[in-house]
Every structure is written in structure tokens, then in C-alpha cells.
């Protein structure tokens, strides 16, 4: 009985040793969903809190843009903002401020409410406290007379934000609707098929 116990103990010890020799090395943890390398994040001091602040800046800008409160959009802009969002040129904060009245007048009698749907926001930290951003965007219009909702555009936004002090500001923002791809890549070639008799 004692010999059997010794043999079982030796067998268990051998198996444990064999398994420990063949165990795979510890896997490296997966990077976060935004593919920010540790070195890159450390070099720019970019944290989850910064991501959340940037999201609030983008969402706040779009919400005020949609609600026609264009004067509130200025709070999210860098002084030298540039780009184009839904056909509205961005050429510096002062230029935007000068155009607010004419932009509001152009939609004064409109019976549509515009809404942006922003998803899949990605961050790429850069130099000098800047972060490149890209996101999918859809623009919906609701007819305020009958409630009908139309999908006006689908595409994505690309841009850049800059950190000044403790705040993030949009310095570049461009809307890139997928319709431009249709014009660029899709060509409907009509071939007249022979008539079979």
C-alpha cells in the first residue's frame, strides 16, 4: 500500500513537472479598442479621461450644430479651426462667428430638424498634444410637419483636436460622405444586349 502511494505521488510529481515545462508563455494583454500603443500613449500623456473629454467636445459641437445654436459651437473650436462639415466651411473661429447670422438665416424657415449620429470614434495620439480622430457619421433629417425621417448622408468625419491647458478643442474637422465614393468609383456602364429570337 505504501509503495502504491509512493508511485502515485511520483507520477503526480512527474506530470506536474511535465505540464509546467510545456505550458505556454503568458500572452501579452490585448491593446485597447483604439489601438493606442503604450509608448505612444506615454509619449503624449494620453489617457482614458482624455478620450472621454474629446468625445464630449465632438458630441457637444454636433449637438449645437444640429440645434442651430451655432454660437455655442465656438466653445469647442480652436482659434485656427479649419475643414468643412456638411458643406459649411471652417476657416478659423472668427470666420465662423462672422457667418453665424447668415447661416441661421439660411435655415430660418426650414421645417427640418437635422441630427448627427456619431459612432466608432477612433483616436491616434500625435505630437504637441494633438490627437487625430475619425468616426462614422450619419445625418438624419426629420420633417417637423409630418414626422417623416430621411437619411440624408452616411460617411465619416476625420479631424484633429488639440489640448490647451486642461481643455480639448477641435482644430480640424471634415465630413466625408460616402456619396463621393459613388461619384469617384462607380460608373454604370450600359451594354445593349443582343435581342434573342
Protein backbone atom coordinates (compact mmCIF):
# COMPACT_ATOMS: atom_id res chain seq x y z
CA UNK A 1 0.00 0.00 0.00
CA UNK A 2 2.86 2.31 0.90
CA UNK A 3 4.58 1.53 -2.44
CA UNK A 4 1.40 2.36 -4.36
CA UNK A 5 1.12 5.72 -2.55
CA UNK A 6 4.75 6.49 -3.35
CA UNK A 7 4.24 5.55 -7.01
CA UNK A 8 1.12 7.77 -7.25
CA UNK A 9 2.98 10.68 -5.63
CA UNK A 10 5.91 10.23 -8.03
CA UNK A 11 3.53 10.01 -11.00
CA UNK A 12 1.68 13.17 -9.95
CA UNK A 13 5.01 14.97 -9.44
CA UNK A 14 6.22 13.89 -12.89
CA UNK A 15 3.00 15.02 -14.55
CA UNK A 16 3.16 18.39 -12.79
CA UNK A 17 6.75 18.86 -13.92
CA UNK A 18 5.90 17.81 -17.46
CA UNK A 19 2.95 20.18 -17.64
CA UNK A 20 4.91 23.11 -16.24
CA UNK A 21 7.65 22.59 -18.85
CA UNK A 22 5.14 22.53 -21.70
CA UNK A 23 2.93 25.37 -20.55
CA UNK A 24 2.78 28.25 -22.98
CA UNK A 25 4.32 31.58 -22.01
CA UNK A 26 1.95 34.21 -20.71
CA UNK A 27 0.25 36.03 -23.53
CA UNK A 28 0.63 39.76 -23.84
CA UNK A 29 -2.54 41.63 -22.94
CA UNK A 30 -4.57 42.89 -25.85
CA UNK A 31 -4.31 46.58 -26.57
CA UNK A 32 -7.40 48.68 -26.12
CA UNK A 33 -10.02 49.09 -28.82
CA UNK A 34 -8.42 52.27 -30.12
CA UNK A 35 -5.05 50.66 -30.94
CA UNK A 36 -3.03 53.15 -28.91
CA UNK A 37 0.41 51.71 -28.18
CA UNK A 38 1.81 52.06 -24.68
CA UNK A 39 4.80 54.03 -25.95
CA UNK A 40 2.59 56.37 -27.94
CA UNK A 41 0.20 56.90 -25.05
CA UNK A 42 3.08 57.56 -22.66
CA UNK A 43 4.79 60.00 -25.02
CA UNK A 44 1.66 62.12 -25.36
CA UNK A 45 0.30 61.55 -21.85
CA UNK A 46 -2.98 60.41 -23.42
CA UNK A 47 -5.41 58.71 -21.06
CA UNK A 48 -8.95 57.35 -20.97
CA UNK A 49 -10.06 60.61 -19.34
CA UNK A 50 -8.75 62.47 -22.40
CA UNK A 51 -10.76 60.18 -24.70
CA UNK A 52 -13.93 60.94 -22.75
CA UNK A 53 -13.26 64.69 -22.90
CA UNK A 54 -12.64 64.53 -26.66
CA UNK A 55 -15.90 62.61 -27.15
CA UNK A 56 -17.78 65.30 -25.20
CA UNK A 57 -16.22 68.01 -27.39
CA UNK A 58 -17.25 66.28 -30.64
CA UNK A 59 -20.75 65.39 -29.40
CA UNK A 60 -21.25 68.88 -27.98
CA UNK A 61 -20.20 70.51 -31.25
CA UNK A 62 -22.53 68.29 -33.31
CA UNK A 63 -25.47 68.72 -30.92
CA UNK A 64 -25.26 72.51 -31.01
CA UNK A 65 -24.72 72.43 -34.79
CA UNK A 66 -27.88 70.31 -35.18
CA UNK A 67 -29.94 72.54 -32.88
CA UNK A 68 -28.95 75.71 -34.72
CA UNK A 69 -27.08 77.06 -31.68
CA UNK A 70 -24.05 77.95 -33.75
CA UNK A 71 -22.76 80.49 -31.24
CA UNK A 72 -22.29 77.61 -28.75
CA UNK A 73 -20.21 75.67 -31.30
CA UNK A 74 -17.48 78.28 -30.88
CA UNK A 75 -16.71 76.99 -27.37
CA UNK A 76 -15.46 73.70 -28.89
CA UNK A 77 -13.26 75.28 -31.57
CA UNK A 78 -9.58 76.09 -31.66
CA UNK A 79 -8.88 79.65 -32.86
CA UNK A 80 -7.48 78.30 -36.16
CA UNK A 81 -10.09 75.62 -36.85
CA UNK A 82 -10.29 74.52 -40.47
CA UNK A 83 -12.18 71.99 -42.56
CA UNK A 84 -15.69 71.51 -43.88
CA UNK A 85 -18.64 69.93 -42.11
CA UNK A 86 -21.79 69.19 -44.13
CA UNK A 87 -20.96 71.90 -46.66
CA UNK A 88 -20.13 74.58 -44.08
CA UNK A 89 -16.53 75.78 -44.38
CA UNK A 90 -14.49 76.12 -41.20
CA UNK A 91 -11.80 78.78 -41.63
CA UNK A 92 -10.94 79.97 -38.14
CA UNK A 93 -13.13 80.77 -35.18
CA UNK A 94 -13.53 84.44 -36.19
CA UNK A 95 -14.71 83.49 -39.68
CA UNK A 96 -17.27 81.10 -38.18
CA UNK A 97 -18.54 83.77 -35.79
CA UNK A 98 -18.95 86.25 -38.65
CA UNK A 99 -21.04 83.71 -40.63
CA UNK A 100 -23.39 82.63 -37.81
CA UNK A 101 -26.16 85.11 -38.66
CA UNK A 102 -26.18 84.26 -42.38
CA UNK A 103 -26.10 80.50 -41.64
CA UNK A 104 -29.03 80.79 -39.25
CA UNK A 105 -30.96 82.92 -41.75
CA UNK A 106 -30.48 80.26 -44.44
CA UNK A 107 -32.37 77.68 -42.33
CA UNK A 108 -34.76 80.11 -40.62
CA UNK A 109 -37.90 78.89 -42.39
CA UNK A 110 -36.81 75.27 -42.64
CA UNK A 111 -39.22 72.69 -41.28
CA UNK A 112 -36.49 70.05 -40.90
CA UNK A 113 -34.53 69.07 -37.81
CA UNK A 114 -31.06 67.76 -38.53
CA UNK A 115 -29.46 65.07 -36.33
CA UNK A 116 -25.97 63.57 -36.47
CA UNK A 117 -25.38 60.00 -35.36
CA UNK A 118 -21.71 59.51 -34.44
CA UNK A 119 -20.22 56.05 -33.82
CA UNK A 120 -16.92 54.13 -33.83
CA UNK A 121 -14.74 57.04 -32.72
CA UNK A 122 -11.03 56.24 -33.08
CA UNK A 123 -8.09 58.11 -31.56
CA UNK A 124 -4.48 58.37 -32.77
CA UNK A 125 -2.25 60.40 -30.44
CA UNK A 126 0.17 62.73 -32.19
CA UNK A 127 2.82 65.28 -31.32
CA UNK A 128 2.38 68.53 -29.38
CA UNK A 129 -0.78 67.49 -27.51
CA UNK A 130 -2.74 66.68 -30.66
CA UNK A 131 -4.92 63.65 -31.35
CA UNK A 132 -6.26 62.60 -34.75
CA UNK A 133 -9.85 61.41 -34.66
CA UNK A 134 -12.08 59.56 -37.08
CA UNK A 135 -15.64 58.36 -36.68
CA UNK A 136 -18.61 57.12 -38.67
CA UNK A 137 -21.36 59.67 -39.12
CA UNK A 138 -24.92 59.60 -40.42
CA UNK A 139 -27.06 62.67 -40.89
CA UNK A 140 -30.83 62.32 -40.44
CA UNK A 141 -33.46 64.93 -41.21
CA UNK A 142 -36.85 64.86 -39.55
CA UNK A 143 -39.70 66.65 -41.28
CA UNK A 144 -41.31 68.62 -38.45
CA UNK A 145 -44.64 68.85 -40.28
CA UNK A 146 -45.31 65.14 -40.76
CA UNK A 147 -42.62 63.37 -38.68
CA UNK A 148 -41.06 61.59 -41.65
CA UNK A 149 -37.36 60.81 -41.12
CA UNK A 150 -34.92 60.71 -44.01
CA UNK A 151 -31.34 59.50 -44.07
CA UNK A 152 -29.54 62.35 -45.81
CA UNK A 153 -25.94 61.18 -45.74
CA UNK A 154 -23.68 58.42 -44.48
CA UNK A 155 -19.92 58.60 -44.24
CA UNK A 156 -17.32 59.53 -41.73
CA UNK A 157 -15.67 62.51 -40.10
CA UNK A 158 -11.94 62.96 -39.83
CA UNK A 159 -10.15 65.63 -37.90
CA UNK A 160 -7.79 66.62 -35.17
CA UNK A 161 -8.12 68.00 -31.66
CA UNK A 162 -5.53 69.88 -29.65
CA UNK A 163 -5.12 70.15 -25.88
CA UNK A 164 -4.64 73.64 -24.45
CA UNK A 165 -4.35 73.73 -20.70
CA UNK A 166 -6.83 71.15 -19.45
CA UNK A 167 -9.26 71.52 -22.37
CA UNK A 168 -9.51 69.89 -25.81
CA UNK A 169 -10.50 71.90 -28.89
CA UNK A 170 -11.33 70.92 -32.48
CA UNK A 171 -8.63 72.21 -34.81
CA UNK A 172 -9.58 70.23 -37.95
CA UNK A 173 -12.94 68.64 -38.86
CA UNK A 174 -14.04 67.33 -42.25
CA UNK A 175 -17.18 65.41 -43.17
CA UNK A 176 -16.57 62.83 -45.89
CA UNK A 177 -19.88 61.43 -47.15
CA UNK A 178 -19.82 58.06 -48.88
CA UNK A 179 -21.63 59.60 -51.86
CA UNK A 180 -18.27 61.00 -53.02
CA UNK A 181 -17.07 57.40 -53.40
CA UNK A 182 -20.02 56.61 -55.67
CA UNK A 183 -19.12 59.52 -57.93
CA UNK A 184 -15.46 58.59 -57.93
CA UNK A 185 -15.55 54.80 -58.27
CA UNK A 186 -18.95 53.74 -59.57
CA UNK A 187 -19.66 54.01 -63.28
CA UNK A 188 -22.80 52.42 -64.60
CA UNK A 189 -21.81 51.00 -67.97
CA UNK A 190 -24.79 50.15 -70.12
CA UNK A 191 -24.31 47.40 -72.60
CA UNK A 192 -27.10 46.80 -75.04
CA UNK A 193 -27.65 43.03 -75.02
CA UNK A 194 -28.42 41.40 -78.35
CA UNK A 195 -32.05 40.52 -78.78
CA UNK A 196 -32.59 36.78 -78.90
CA UNK A 197 -35.10 35.50 -81.45
